[in-house]
Amino acid sequence: MNTDSKDIARLRARIENLEEVCAEAHQFAGAMGAPERLLDLFHHAAQGKTVSLDGFTPVTADECDEVIRLQVQLAAVRQAAGVGPAASEFGRLGGSVRSRIKAQAARANGRRGGRPRKTAAA
């Protein structure tokens, strides 16, 4: 086999490999609910067709059905758990977690070499 034949065989194997990668990317994109333009591009590339990359990127999370579904689910969980803007406001109303007494204790511990070590129960 001459060098040209080896190069052609190597390039054909590479093309087949890339087509397989595109087929796998098509499956993954479909599972994520990717926009139809991406699914079409991966499908055509997997079939060995020439594709245009115009409009391929950018892809935002808002274009993927699975991401949107998870965002809706997260919002429902937050609402059920009471986590949201109202919970944040309640946290702010609680005030500072650092008091004058805590600051004095930290300084005193610092003068003695830092926070006392926890002792293991015997």
PDB file of N, CA and C in Angstrom:
ATOM      1  N   MET A   1       0.847  -1.171   0.000  1.00  0.00           N
ATOM      2  CA  MET A   1       0.000   0.000   0.000  1.00  0.00           C
ATOM      3  C   MET A   1       0.894   1.236   0.000  1.00  0.00           C
ATOM      4  N   ASN A   2       0.652   2.136  -0.932  1.00  0.00           N
ATOM      5  CA  ASN A   2       1.492   3.324  -0.981  1.00  0.00           C
ATOM      6  C   ASN A   2       1.002   4.378   0.022  1.00  0.00           C
ATOM      7  N   THR A   3       1.771   5.437   0.140  1.00  0.00           N
ATOM      8  CA  THR A   3       1.483   6.464   1.140  1.00  0.00           C
ATOM      9  C   THR A   3       0.133   7.117   0.906  1.00  0.00           C
ATOM     10  N   ASP A   4      -0.219   7.396  -0.350  1.00  0.00           N
ATOM     11  CA  ASP A   4      -1.500   8.028  -0.652  1.00  0.00           C
ATOM     12  C   ASP A   4      -2.671   7.140  -0.230  1.00  0.00           C
ATOM     13  N   SER A   5      -2.566   5.859  -0.490  1.00  0.00           N
ATOM     14  CA  SER A   5      -3.630   4.928  -0.108  1.00  0.00           C
ATOM     15  C   SER A   5      -3.777   4.856   1.411  1.00  0.00           C
ATOM     16  N   LYS A   6      -2.640   4.884   2.113  1.00  0.00           N
ATOM     17  CA  LYS A   6      -2.685   4.867   3.579  1.00  0.00           C
ATOM     18  C   LYS A   6      -3.338   6.133   4.118  1.00  0.00           C
ATOM     19  N   ASP A   7      -2.989   7.272   3.516  1.00  0.00           N
ATOM     20  CA  ASP A   7      -3.583   8.545   3.944  1.00  0.00           C
ATOM     21  C   ASP A   7      -5.087   8.550   3.701  1.00  0.00           C
ATOM     22  N   ILE A   8      -5.511   8.041   2.558  1.00  0.00           N
ATOM     23  CA  ILE A   8      -6.937   8.000   2.239  1.00  0.00           C
ATOM     24  C   ILE A   8      -7.672   7.080   3.213  1.00  0.00           C
ATOM     25  N   ALA A   9      -7.091   5.931   3.510  1.00  0.00           N
ATOM     26  CA  ALA A   9      -7.714   4.998   4.457  1.00  0.00           C
ATOM     27  C   ALA A   9      -7.814   5.630   5.847  1.00  0.00           C
ATOM     28  N   ARG A  10      -6.750   6.315   6.243  1.00  0.00           N
ATOM     29  CA  ARG A  10      -6.746   6.983   7.557  1.00  0.00           C
ATOM     30  C   ARG A  10      -7.816   8.075   7.604  1.00  0.00           C
ATOM     31  N   LEU A  11      -7.936   8.862   6.539  1.00  0.00           N
ATOM     32  CA  LEU A  11      -8.934   9.926   6.496  1.00  0.00           C
ATOM     33  C   LEU A  11     -10.359   9.367   6.482  1.00  0.00           C
ATOM     34  N   ARG A  12     -10.565   8.257   5.765  1.00  0.00           N
ATOM     35  CA  ARG A  12     -11.896   7.632   5.762  1.00  0.00           C
ATOM     36  C   ARG A  12     -12.268   7.137   7.158  1.00  0.00           C
ATOM     37  N   ALA A  13     -11.302   6.543   7.853  1.00  0.00           N
ATOM     38  CA  ALA A  13     -11.561   6.069   9.217  1.00  0.00           C
ATOM     39  C   ALA A  13     -11.882   7.251  10.137  1.00  0.00           C
ATOM     40  N   ARG A  14     -11.167   8.347   9.948  1.00  0.00           N
ATOM     41  CA  ARG A  14     -11.426   9.545  10.766  1.00  0.00           C
ATOM     42  C   ARG A  14     -12.818  10.100  10.494  1.00  0.00           C
ATOM     43  N   ILE A  15     -13.218  10.146   9.240  1.00  0.00           N
ATOM     44  CA  ILE A  15     -14.557  10.636   8.880  1.00  0.00           C
ATOM     45  C   ILE A  15     -15.623   9.750   9.511  1.00  0.00           C
ATOM     46  N   GLU A  16     -15.445   8.442   9.430  1.00  0.00           N
ATOM     47  CA  GLU A  16     -16.416   7.529  10.045  1.00  0.00           C
ATOM     48  C   GLU A  16     -16.503   7.756  11.551  1.00  0.00           C
ATOM     49  N   ASN A  17     -15.352   7.964  12.180  1.00  0.00           N
ATOM     50  CA  ASN A  17     -15.331   8.224  13.615  1.00  0.00           C
ATOM     51  C   ASN A  17     -16.069   9.521  13.943  1.00  0.00           C
ATOM     52  N   LEU A  18     -15.835  10.560  13.167  1.00  0.00           N
ATOM     53  CA  LEU A  18     -16.501  11.841  13.412  1.00  0.00           C
ATOM     54  C   LEU A  18     -18.013  11.743  13.176  1.00  0.00           C
ATOM     55  N   GLU A  19     -18.416  10.941  12.205  1.00  0.00           N
ATOM     56  CA  GLU A  19     -19.843  10.725  11.982  1.00  0.00           C
ATOM     57  C   GLU A  19     -20.473  10.011  13.174  1.00  0.00           C
ATOM     58  N   GLU A  20     -19.742   9.066  13.764  1.00  0.00           N
ATOM     59  CA  GLU A  20     -20.234   8.388  14.973  1.00  0.00           C
ATOM     60  C   GLU A  20     -20.347   9.368  16.140  1.00  0.00           C
ATOM     61  N   VAL A  21     -19.373  10.251  16.258  1.00  0.00           N
ATOM     62  CA  VAL A  21     -19.417  11.272  17.314  1.00  0.00           C
ATOM     63  C   VAL A  21     -20.635  12.165  17.123  1.00  0.00           C
ATOM     64  N   CYS A  22     -20.918  12.552  15.893  1.00  0.00           N
ATOM     65  CA  CYS A  22     -22.094  13.383  15.611  1.00  0.00           C
ATOM     66  C   CYS A  22     -23.390  12.648  15.949  1.00  0.00           C
ATOM     67  N   ALA A  23     -23.418  11.345  15.687  1.00  0.00           N
ATOM     68  CA  ALA A  23     -24.612  10.558  16.021  1.00  0.00           C
ATOM     69  C   ALA A  23     -24.817  10.527  17.535  1.00  0.00           C
ATOM     70  N   GLU A  24     -23.732  10.374  18.290  1.00  0.00           N
ATOM     71  CA  GLU A  24     -23.833  10.386  19.754  1.00  0.00           C
ATOM     72  C   GLU A  24     -24.229  11.766  20.268  1.00  0.00           C
ATOM     73  N   ALA A  25     -23.658  12.813  19.658  1.00  0.00           N
ATOM     74  CA  ALA A  25     -24.014  14.187  20.045  1.00  0.00           C
ATOM     75  C   ALA A  25     -25.490  14.445  19.765  1.00  0.00           C
ATOM     76  N   HIS A  26     -25.999  13.875  18.668  1.00  0.00           N
ATOM     77  CA  HIS A  26     -27.428  14.015  18.338  1.00  0.00           C
ATOM     78  C   HIS A  26     -28.285  13.399  19.440  1.00  0.00           C
ATOM     79  N   GLN A  27     -27.905  12.220  19.915  1.00  0.00           N
ATOM     80  CA  GLN A  27     -28.650  11.564  20.984  1.00  0.00           C
ATOM     81  C   GLN A  27     -28.615  12.393  22.276  1.00  0.00           C
ATOM     82  N   PHE A  28     -27.448  12.893  22.614  1.00  0.00           N
ATOM     83  CA  PHE A  28     -27.304  13.703  23.823  1.00  0.00           C
ATOM     84  C   PHE A  28     -28.120  14.991  23.714  1.00  0.00           C
ATOM     85  N   ALA A  29     -27.996  15.669  22.584  1.00  0.00           N
ATOM     86  CA  ALA A  29     -28.731  16.919  22.383  1.00  0.00           C
ATOM     87  C   ALA A  29     -30.242  16.674  22.447  1.00  0.00           C
ATOM     88  N   GLY A  30     -30.669  15.550  21.910  1.00  0.00           N
ATOM     89  CA  GLY A  30     -32.093  15.220  21.978  1.00  0.00           C
ATOM     90  C   GLY A  30     -32.554  15.000  23.404  1.00  0.00           C
ATOM     91  N   ALA A  31     -31.724  14.344  24.213  1.00  0.00           N
ATOM     92  CA  ALA A  31     -32.077  14.102  25.617  1.00  0.00           C
ATOM     93  C   ALA A  31     -32.154  15.403  26.404  1.00  0.00           C
ATOM     94  N   MET A  32     -31.383  16.410  26.008  1.00  0.00           N
ATOM     95  CA  MET A  32     -31.381  17.709  26.694  1.00  0.00           C
ATOM     96  C   MET A  32     -32.443  18.648  26.149  1.00  0.00           C
ATOM     97  N   GLY A  33     -33.164  18.188  25.131  1.00  0.00           N
ATOM     98  CA  GLY A  33     -34.194  19.037  24.540  1.00  0.00           C
ATOM     99  C   GLY A  33     -33.596  20.205  23.778  1.00  0.00           C
ATOM    100  N   ALA A  34     -32.464  19.964  23.129  1.00  0.00           N
ATOM    101  CA  ALA A  34     -31.780  21.018  22.380  1.00  0.00           C
ATOM    102  C   ALA A  34     -32.665  21.531  21.249  1.00  0.00           C
ATOM    103  N   PRO A  35     -32.397  22.743  20.805  1.00  0.00           N
ATOM    104  CA  PRO A  35     -33.173  23.308  19.697  1.00  0.00           C
ATOM    105  C   PRO A  35     -33.102  22.418  18.456  1.00  0.00           C
ATOM    106  N   GLU A  36     -34.155  22.465  17.680  1.00  0.00           N
ATOM    107  CA  GLU A  36     -34.262  21.611  16.496  1.00  0.00           C
ATOM    108  C   GLU A  36     -33.137  21.871  15.497  1.00  0.00           C
ATOM    109  N   ARG A  37     -32.664  23.113  15.423  1.00  0.00           N
ATOM    110  CA  ARG A  37     -31.586  23.428  14.467  1.00  0.00           C
ATOM    111  C   ARG A  37     -30.326  22.616  14.784  1.00  0.00           C
ATOM    112  N   LEU A  38     -30.053  22.379  16.087  1.00  0.00           N
ATOM    113  CA  LEU A  38     -28.888  21.586  16.469  1.00  0.00           C
ATOM    114  C   LEU A  38     -29.113  20.108  16.176  1.00  0.00           C
ATOM    115  N   LEU A  39     -30.309  19.640  16.470  1.00  0.00           N
ATOM    116  CA  LEU A  39     -30.611  18.234  16.195  1.00  0.00           C
ATOM    117  C   LEU A  39     -30.477  17.938  14.707  1.00  0.00           C
ATOM    118  N   ASP A  40     -30.985  18.842  13.888  1.00  0.00           N
ATOM    119  CA  ASP A  40     -30.876  18.654  12.435  1.00  0.00           C
ATOM    120  C   ASP A  40     -29.419  18.649  11.991  1.00  0.00           C
ATOM    121  N   LEU A  41     -28.630  19.567  12.527  1.00  0.00           N
ATOM    122  CA  LEU A  41     -27.224  19.652  12.153  1.00  0.00           C
ATOM    123  C   LEU A  41     -26.488  18.362  12.502  1.00  0.00           C
ATOM    124  N   PHE A  42     -26.665  17.875  13.745  1.00  0.00           N
ATOM    125  CA  PHE A  42     -26.004  16.639  14.154  1.00  0.00           C
ATOM    126  C   PHE A  42     -26.472  15.444  13.315  1.00  0.00           C
ATOM    127  N   HIS A  43     -27.774  15.411  13.025  1.00  0.00           N
ATOM    128  CA  HIS A  43     -28.330  14.307  12.240  1.00  0.00           C
ATOM    129  C   HIS A  43     -27.711  14.272  10.844  1.00  0.00           C
ATOM    130  N   HIS A  44     -27.670  15.439  10.195  1.00  0.00           N
ATOM    131  CA  HIS A  44     -27.120  15.502   8.842  1.00  0.00           C
ATOM    132  C   HIS A  44     -25.632  15.173   8.838  1.00  0.00           C
ATOM    133  N   ALA A  45     -24.903  15.678   9.832  1.00  0.00           N
ATOM    134  CA  ALA A  45     -23.460  15.403   9.904  1.00  0.00           C
ATOM    135  C   ALA A  45     -23.212  13.919  10.137  1.00  0.00           C
ATOM    136  N   ALA A  46     -24.055  13.285  10.950  1.00  0.00           N
ATOM    137  CA  ALA A  46     -23.903  11.858  11.222  1.00  0.00           C
ATOM    138  C   ALA A  46     -24.148  11.021   9.962  1.00  0.00           C
ATOM    139  N   GLN A  47     -24.945  11.571   9.039  1.00  0.00           N
ATOM    140  CA  GLN A  47     -25.215  10.870   7.782  1.00  0.00           C
ATOM    141  C   GLN A  47     -24.181  11.185   6.709  1.00  0.00           C
ATOM    142  N   GLY A  48     -23.179  11.983   7.061  1.00  0.00           N
ATOM    143  CA  GLY A  48     -22.122  12.296   6.110  1.00  0.00           C
ATOM    144  C   GLY A  48     -22.437  13.451   5.197  1.00  0.00           C
ATOM    145  N   LYS A  49     -23.505  14.181   5.480  1.00  0.00           N
ATOM    146  CA  LYS A  49     -23.860  15.327   4.644  1.00  0.00           C
ATOM    147  C   LYS A  49     -23.054  16.543   5.079  1.00  0.00           C
ATOM    148  N   THR A  50     -22.827  17.441   4.149  1.00  0.00           N
ATOM    149  CA  THR A  50     -22.145  18.694   4.453  1.00  0.00           C
ATOM    150  C   THR A  50     -23.143  19.605   5.152  1.00  0.00           C
ATOM    151  N   VAL A  51     -22.708  20.204   6.249  1.00  0.00           N
ATOM    152  CA  VAL A  51     -23.598  21.081   7.025  1.00  0.00           C
ATOM    153  C   VAL A  51     -22.969  22.455   7.164  1.00  0.00           C
ATOM    154  N   SER A  52     -23.829  23.439   7.343  1.00  0.00           N
ATOM    155  CA  SER A  52     -23.373  24.808   7.589  1.00  0.00           C
ATOM    156  C   SER A  52     -23.414  25.060   9.088  1.00  0.00           C
ATOM    157  N   LEU A  53     -22.387  25.675   9.596  1.00  0.00           N
ATOM    158  CA  LEU A  53     -22.336  25.964  11.024  1.00  0.00           C
ATOM    159  C   LEU A  53     -22.959  27.312  11.362  1.00  0.00           C
ATOM    160  N   ASP A  54     -23.530  27.993  10.378  1.00  0.00           N
ATOM    161  CA  ASP A  54     -24.218  29.255  10.646  1.00  0.00           C
ATOM    162  C   ASP A  54     -25.391  28.987  11.581  1.00  0.00           C
ATOM    163  N   GLY A  55     -25.457  29.727  12.660  1.00  0.00           N
ATOM    164  CA  GLY A  55     -26.549  29.566  13.612  1.00  0.00           C
ATOM    165  C   GLY A  55     -26.361  28.411  14.578  1.00  0.00           C
ATOM    166  N   PHE A  56     -25.226  27.727  14.504  1.00  0.00           N
ATOM    167  CA  PHE A  56     -24.982  26.600  15.412  1.00  0.00           C
ATOM    168  C   PHE A  56     -24.848  27.085  16.849  1.00  0.00           C
ATOM    169  N   THR A  57     -24.078  28.116  17.047  1.00  0.00           N
ATOM    170  CA  THR A  57     -23.909  28.706  18.376  1.00  0.00           C
ATOM    171  C   THR A  57     -24.201  30.186  18.278  1.00  0.00           C
ATOM    172  N   PRO A  58     -24.539  30.855  19.306  1.00  0.00           N
ATOM    173  CA  PRO A  58     -24.615  30.359  20.673  1.00  0.00           C
ATOM    174  C   PRO A  58     -25.942  29.663  20.938  1.00  0.00           C
ATOM    175  N   VAL A  59     -25.914  28.771  21.895  1.00  0.00           N
ATOM    176  CA  VAL A  59     -27.119  28.108  22.385  1.00  0.00           C
ATOM    177  C   VAL A  59     -27.243  28.473  23.849  1.00  0.00           C
ATOM    178  N   THR A  60     -28.393  28.972  24.238  1.00  0.00           N
ATOM    179  CA  THR A  60     -28.599  29.343  25.639  1.00  0.00           C
ATOM    180  C   THR A  60     -29.387  28.252  26.352  1.00  0.00           C
ATOM    181  N   ALA A  61     -29.303  28.260  27.661  1.00  0.00           N
ATOM    182  CA  ALA A  61     -30.033  27.268  28.461  1.00  0.00           C
ATOM    183  C   ALA A  61     -31.537  27.390  28.230  1.00  0.00           C
ATOM    184  N   ASP A  62     -32.001  28.605  27.966  1.00  0.00           N
ATOM    185  CA  ASP A  62     -33.438  28.827  27.747  1.00  0.00           C
ATOM    186  C   ASP A  62     -33.948  28.167  26.476  1.00  0.00           C
ATOM    187  N   GLU A  63     -33.051  27.709  25.622  1.00  0.00           N
ATOM    188  CA  GLU A  63     -33.460  27.039  24.391  1.00  0.00           C
ATOM    189  C   GLU A  63     -33.580  25.518  24.568  1.00  0.00           C
ATOM    190  N   CYS A  64     -33.150  24.998  25.702  1.00  0.00           N
ATOM    191  CA  CYS A  64     -33.140  23.548  25.926  1.00  0.00           C
ATOM    192  C   CYS A  64     -34.315  23.154  26.815  1.00  0.00           C
ATOM    193  N   ASP A  65     -35.185  22.328  26.277  1.00  0.00           N
ATOM    194  CA  ASP A  65     -36.404  21.934  26.978  1.00  0.00           C
ATOM    195  C   ASP A  65     -36.129  21.317  28.346  1.00  0.00           C
ATOM    196  N   GLU A  66     -35.108  20.479  28.444  1.00  0.00           N
ATOM    197  CA  GLU A  66     -34.813  19.803  29.710  1.00  0.00           C
ATOM    198  C   GLU A  66     -34.375  20.808  30.776  1.00  0.00           C
ATOM    199  N   VAL A  67     -33.600  21.803  30.379  1.00  0.00           N
ATOM    200  CA  VAL A  67     -33.171  22.837  31.326  1.00  0.00           C
ATOM    201  C   VAL A  67     -34.381  23.627  31.805  1.00  0.00           C
ATOM    202  N   ILE A  68     -35.264  23.971  30.889  1.00  0.00           N
ATOM    203  CA  ILE A  68     -36.479  24.712  31.255  1.00  0.00           C
ATOM    204  C   ILE A  68     -37.319  23.878  32.221  1.00  0.00           C
ATOM    205  N   ARG A  69     -37.467  22.581  31.941  1.00  0.00           N
ATOM    206  CA  ARG A  69     -38.252  21.705  32.815  1.00  0.00           C
ATOM    207  C   ARG A  69     -37.644  21.667  34.222  1.00  0.00           C
ATOM    208  N   LEU A  70     -36.319  21.578  34.311  1.00  0.00           N
ATOM    209  CA  LEU A  70     -35.654  21.551  35.616  1.00  0.00           C
ATOM    210  C   LEU A  70     -35.794  22.884  36.352  1.00  0.00           C
ATOM    211  N   GLN A  71     -35.767  23.999  35.622  1.00  0.00           N
ATOM    212  CA  GLN A  71     -35.949  25.305  36.245  1.00  0.00           C
ATOM    213  C   GLN A  71     -37.353  25.434  36.836  1.00  0.00           C
ATOM    214  N   VAL A  72     -38.343  24.949  36.116  1.00  0.00           N
ATOM    215  CA  VAL A  72     -39.723  24.976  36.616  1.00  0.00           C
ATOM    216  C   VAL A  72     -39.849  24.100  37.854  1.00  0.00           C
ATOM    217  N   GLN A  73     -39.233  22.925  37.817  1.00  0.00           N
ATOM    218  CA  GLN A  73     -39.258  22.015  38.960  1.00  0.00           C
ATOM    219  C   GLN A  73     -38.569  22.635  40.166  1.00  0.00           C
ATOM    220  N   LEU A  74     -37.437  23.287  39.968  1.00  0.00           N
ATOM    221  CA  LEU A  74     -36.724  23.946  41.051  1.00  0.00           C
ATOM    222  C   LEU A  74     -37.554  25.079  41.649  1.00  0.00           C
ATOM    223  N   ALA A  75     -38.218  25.852  40.813  1.00  0.00           N
ATOM    224  CA  ALA A  75     -39.068  26.934  41.308  1.00  0.00           C
ATOM    225  C   ALA A  75     -40.206  26.380  42.167  1.00  0.00           C
ATOM    226  N   ALA A  76     -40.784  25.235  41.757  1.00  0.00           N
ATOM    227  CA  ALA A  76     -41.862  24.622  42.536  1.00  0.00           C
ATOM    228  C   ALA A  76     -41.348  24.142  43.890  1.00  0.00           C
ATOM    229  N   VAL A  77     -40.152  23.556  43.922  1.00  0.00           N
ATOM    230  CA  VAL A  77     -39.563  23.086  45.179  1.00  0.00           C
ATOM    231  C   VAL A  77     -39.262  24.267  46.093  1.00  0.00           C
ATOM    232  N   ARG A  78     -38.708  25.333  45.518  1.00  0.00           N
ATOM    233  CA  ARG A  78     -38.412  26.527  46.323  1.00  0.00           C
ATOM    234  C   ARG A  78     -39.686  27.103  46.922  1.00  0.00           C
ATOM    235  N   GLN A  79     -40.739  27.142  46.128  1.00  0.00           N
ATOM    236  CA  GLN A  79     -42.003  27.682  46.625  1.00  0.00           C
ATOM    237  C   GLN A  79     -42.559  26.794  47.733  1.00  0.00           C
ATOM    238  N   ALA A  80     -42.490  25.489  47.561  1.00  0.00           N
ATOM    239  CA  ALA A  80     -43.005  24.567  48.570  1.00  0.00           C
ATOM    240  C   ALA A  80     -42.202  24.663  49.865  1.00  0.00           C
ATOM    241  N   ALA A  81     -40.888  24.889  49.732  1.00  0.00           N
ATOM    242  CA  ALA A  81     -40.017  24.969  50.912  1.00  0.00           C
ATOM    243  C   ALA A  81     -39.997  26.371  51.518  1.00  0.00           C
ATOM    244  N   GLY A  82     -40.608  27.302  50.839  1.00  0.00           N
ATOM    245  CA  GLY A  82     -40.627  28.665  51.349  1.00  0.00           C
ATOM    246  C   GLY A  82     -39.330  29.409  51.122  1.00  0.00           C
ATOM    247  N   VAL A  83     -38.536  28.934  50.181  1.00  0.00           N
ATOM    248  CA  VAL A  83     -37.279  29.608  49.871  1.00  0.00           C
ATOM    249  C   VAL A  83     -37.536  30.541  48.699  1.00  0.00           C
ATOM    250  N   GLY A  84     -37.298  31.786  48.900  1.00  0.00           N
ATOM    251  CA  GLY A  84     -37.519  32.755  47.839  1.00  0.00           C
ATOM    252  C   GLY A  84     -37.224  34.137  48.357  1.00  0.00           C
ATOM    253  N   PRO A  85     -37.731  35.141  47.667  1.00  0.00           N
ATOM    254  CA  PRO A  85     -37.461  36.517  48.073  1.00  0.00           C
ATOM    255  C   PRO A  85     -37.910  36.803  49.508  1.00  0.00           C
ATOM    256  N   ALA A  86     -39.047  36.253  49.906  1.00  0.00           N
ATOM    257  CA  ALA A  86     -39.537  36.499  51.268  1.00  0.00           C
ATOM    258  C   ALA A  86     -38.581  35.903  52.303  1.00  0.00           C
ATOM    259  N   ALA A  87     -38.076  34.698  52.045  1.00  0.00           N
ATOM    260  CA  ALA A  87     -37.143  34.065  52.975  1.00  0.00           C
ATOM    261  C   ALA A  87     -35.854  34.878  53.076  1.00  0.00           C
ATOM    262  N   SER A  88     -35.415  35.439  51.956  1.00  0.00           N
ATOM    263  CA  SER A  88     -34.204  36.266  51.979  1.00  0.00           C
ATOM    264  C   SER A  88     -34.416  37.504  52.836  1.00  0.00           C
ATOM    265  N   GLU A  89     -35.593  38.104  52.733  1.00  0.00           N
ATOM    266  CA  GLU A  89     -35.896  39.296  53.536  1.00  0.00           C
ATOM    267  C   GLU A  89     -35.919  38.950  55.019  1.00  0.00           C
ATOM    268  N   PHE A  90     -36.476  37.808  55.386  1.00  0.00           N
ATOM    269  CA  PHE A  90     -36.475  37.392  56.796  1.00  0.00           C
ATOM    270  C   PHE A  90     -35.052  37.224  57.303  1.00  0.00           C
ATOM    271  N   GLY A  91     -34.176  36.689  56.473  1.00  0.00           N
ATOM    272  CA  GLY A  91     -32.784  36.533  56.864  1.00  0.00           C
ATOM    273  C   GLY A  91     -32.114  37.869  57.116  1.00  0.00           C
ATOM    274  N   ARG A  92     -32.438  38.858  56.295  1.00  0.00           N
ATOM    275  CA  ARG A  92     -31.862  40.187  56.478  1.00  0.00           C
ATOM    276  C   ARG A  92     -32.367  40.829  57.758  1.00  0.00           C
ATOM    277  N   LEU A  93     -33.616  40.570  58.096  1.00  0.00           N
ATOM    278  CA  LEU A  93     -34.195  41.141  59.316  1.00  0.00           C
ATOM    279  C   LEU A  93     -33.538  40.582  60.563  1.00  0.00           C
ATOM    280  N   GLY A  94     -32.951  39.389  60.463  1.00  0.00           N
ATOM    281  CA  GLY A  94     -32.303  38.770  61.615  1.00  0.00           C
ATOM    282  C   GLY A  94     -31.100  39.552  62.105  1.00  0.00           C
ATOM    283  N   GLY A  95     -30.566  40.391  61.264  1.00  0.00           N
ATOM    284  CA  GLY A  95     -29.449  41.225  61.674  1.00  0.00           C
ATOM    285  C   GLY A  95     -28.116  40.539  61.515  1.00  0.00           C
ATOM    286  N   SER A  96     -27.091  41.148  62.083  1.00  0.00           N
ATOM    287  CA  SER A  96     -25.730  40.665  61.959  1.00  0.00           C
ATOM    288  C   SER A  96     -25.529  39.408  62.793  1.00  0.00           C
ATOM    289  N   VAL A  97     -24.756  38.486  62.276  1.00  0.00           N
ATOM    290  CA  VAL A  97     -24.433  37.281  63.039  1.00  0.00           C
ATOM    291  C   VAL A  97     -23.171  37.511  63.869  1.00  0.00           C
ATOM    292  N   ARG A  98     -22.610  38.686  63.776  1.00  0.00           N
ATOM    293  CA  ARG A  98     -21.395  39.020  64.510  1.00  0.00           C
ATOM    294  C   ARG A  98     -21.764  40.068  65.569  1.00  0.00           C
ATOM    295  N   SER A  99     -21.723  39.684  66.805  1.00  0.00           N
ATOM    296  CA  SER A  99     -22.064  40.608  67.890  1.00  0.00           C
ATOM    297  C   SER A  99     -20.795  41.125  68.563  1.00  0.00           C
ATOM    298  N   ARG A 100     -20.971  42.138  69.394  1.00  0.00           N
ATOM    299  CA  ARG A 100     -19.858  42.712  70.147  1.00  0.00           C
ATOM    300  C   ARG A 100     -19.246  41.648  71.057  1.00  0.00           C
ATOM    301  N   ILE A 101     -20.064  40.824  71.667  1.00  0.00           N
ATOM    302  CA  ILE A 101     -19.581  39.786  72.577  1.00  0.00           C
ATOM    303  C   ILE A 101     -18.782  38.728  71.814  1.00  0.00           C
ATOM    304  N   LYS A 102     -19.264  38.361  70.619  1.00  0.00           N
ATOM    305  CA  LYS A 102     -18.520  37.391  69.802  1.00  0.00           C
ATOM    306  C   LYS A 102     -17.152  37.949  69.411  1.00  0.00           C
ATOM    307  N   ALA A 103     -17.112  39.217  69.058  1.00  0.00           N
ATOM    308  CA  ALA A 103     -15.838  39.837  68.670  1.00  0.00           C
ATOM    309  C   ALA A 103     -14.860  39.823  69.845  1.00  0.00           C
ATOM    310  N   GLN A 104     -15.356  40.114  71.058  1.00  0.00           N
ATOM    311  CA  GLN A 104     -14.486  40.096  72.248  1.00  0.00           C
ATOM    312  C   GLN A 104     -13.959  38.683  72.503  1.00  0.00           C
ATOM    313  N   ALA A 105     -14.811  37.690  72.371  1.00  0.00           N
ATOM    314  CA  ALA A 105     -14.395  36.300  72.584  1.00  0.00           C
ATOM    315  C   ALA A 105     -13.347  35.883  71.549  1.00  0.00           C
ATOM    316  N   ALA A 106     -13.510  36.320  70.294  1.00  0.00           N
ATOM    317  CA  ALA A 106     -12.546  35.979  69.251  1.00  0.00           C
ATOM    318  C   ALA A 106     -11.190  36.606  69.544  1.00  0.00           C
ATOM    319  N   ARG A 107     -11.194  37.853  70.012  1.00  0.00           N
ATOM    320  CA  ARG A 107      -9.922  38.498  70.360  1.00  0.00           C
ATOM    321  C   ARG A 107      -9.250  37.781  71.525  1.00  0.00           C
ATOM    322  N   ALA A 108     -10.042  37.409  72.536  1.00  0.00           N
ATOM    323  CA  ALA A 108      -9.480  36.709  73.704  1.00  0.00           C
ATOM    324  C   ALA A 108      -8.907  35.355  73.274  1.00  0.00           C
ATOM    325  N   ASN A 109      -9.607  34.629  72.430  1.00  0.00           N
ATOM    326  CA  ASN A 109      -9.096  33.345  71.924  1.00  0.00           C
ATOM    327  C   ASN A 109      -7.814  33.553  71.131  1.00  0.00           C
ATOM    328  N   GLY A 110      -7.758  34.634  70.364  1.00  0.00           N
ATOM    329  CA  GLY A 110      -6.567  34.931  69.579  1.00  0.00           C
ATOM    330  C   GLY A 110      -5.355  35.172  70.456  1.00  0.00           C
ATOM    331  N   ARG A 111      -5.543  35.851  71.575  1.00  0.00           N
ATOM    332  CA  ARG A 111      -4.421  36.101  72.494  1.00  0.00           C
ATOM    333  C   ARG A 111      -3.924  34.798  73.127  1.00  0.00           C
ATOM    334  N   ARG A 112      -4.790  33.818  73.230  1.00  0.00           N
ATOM    335  CA  ARG A 112      -4.412  32.535  73.839  1.00  0.00           C
ATOM    336  C   ARG A 112      -3.994  31.517  72.775  1.00  0.00           C
ATOM    337  N   GLY A 113      -3.805  31.951  71.545  1.00  0.00           N
ATOM    338  CA  GLY A 113      -3.338  31.030  70.499  1.00  0.00           C
ATOM    339  C   GLY A 113      -4.433  30.537  69.581  1.00  0.00           C
ATOM    340  N   GLY A 114      -5.593  31.131  69.607  1.00  0.00           N
ATOM    341  CA  GLY A 114      -6.662  30.758  68.701  1.00  0.00           C
ATOM    342  C   GLY A 114      -7.755  29.965  69.380  1.00  0.00           C
ATOM    343  N   ARG A 115      -8.664  29.518  68.568  1.00  0.00           N
ATOM    344  CA  ARG A 115      -9.816  28.772  69.080  1.00  0.00           C
ATOM    345  C   ARG A 115      -9.329  27.518  69.782  1.00  0.00           C
ATOM    346  N   PRO A 116      -9.912  27.224  70.952  1.00  0.00           N
ATOM    347  CA  PRO A 116      -9.506  25.998  71.668  1.00  0.00           C
ATOM    348  C   PRO A 116      -9.798  24.765  70.814  1.00  0.00           C
ATOM    349  N   ARG A 117      -8.908  23.799  70.873  1.00  0.00           N
ATOM    350  CA  ARG A 117      -9.062  22.552  70.134  1.00  0.00           C
ATOM    351  C   ARG A 117     -10.128  21.700  70.781  1.00  0.00           C
ATOM    352  N   LYS A 118     -10.867  20.993  69.970  1.00  0.00           N
ATOM    353  CA  LYS A 118     -11.840  20.045  70.502  1.00  0.00           C
ATOM    354  C   LYS A 118     -11.076  18.842  71.014  1.00  0.00           C
ATOM    355  N   THR A 119     -11.481  18.353  72.169  1.00  0.00           N
ATOM    356  CA  THR A 119     -10.822  17.177  72.724  1.00  0.00           C
ATOM    357  C   THR A 119     -11.627  15.946  72.362  1.00  0.00           C
ATOM    358  N   ALA A 120     -10.933  14.873  72.040  1.00  0.00           N
ATOM    359  CA  ALA A 120     -11.602  13.620  71.672  1.00  0.00           C
ATOM    360  C   ALA A 120     -12.142  12.979  72.926  1.00  0.00           C
ATOM    361  N   ALA A 121     -13.357  12.437  72.828  1.00  0.00           N
ATOM    362  CA  ALA A 121     -13.969  11.748  73.974  1.00  0.00           C
ATOM    363  C   ALA A 121     -13.196  10.454  74.243  1.00  0.00           C
ATOM    364  N   ALA A 122     -12.854  10.237  75.478  1.00  0.00           N
ATOM    365  CA  ALA A 122     -12.066   9.047  75.826  1.00  0.00           C
ATOM    366  C   ALA A 122     -12.947   7.867  76.126  1.00  0.00           C
TER     367      ALA A 122
END
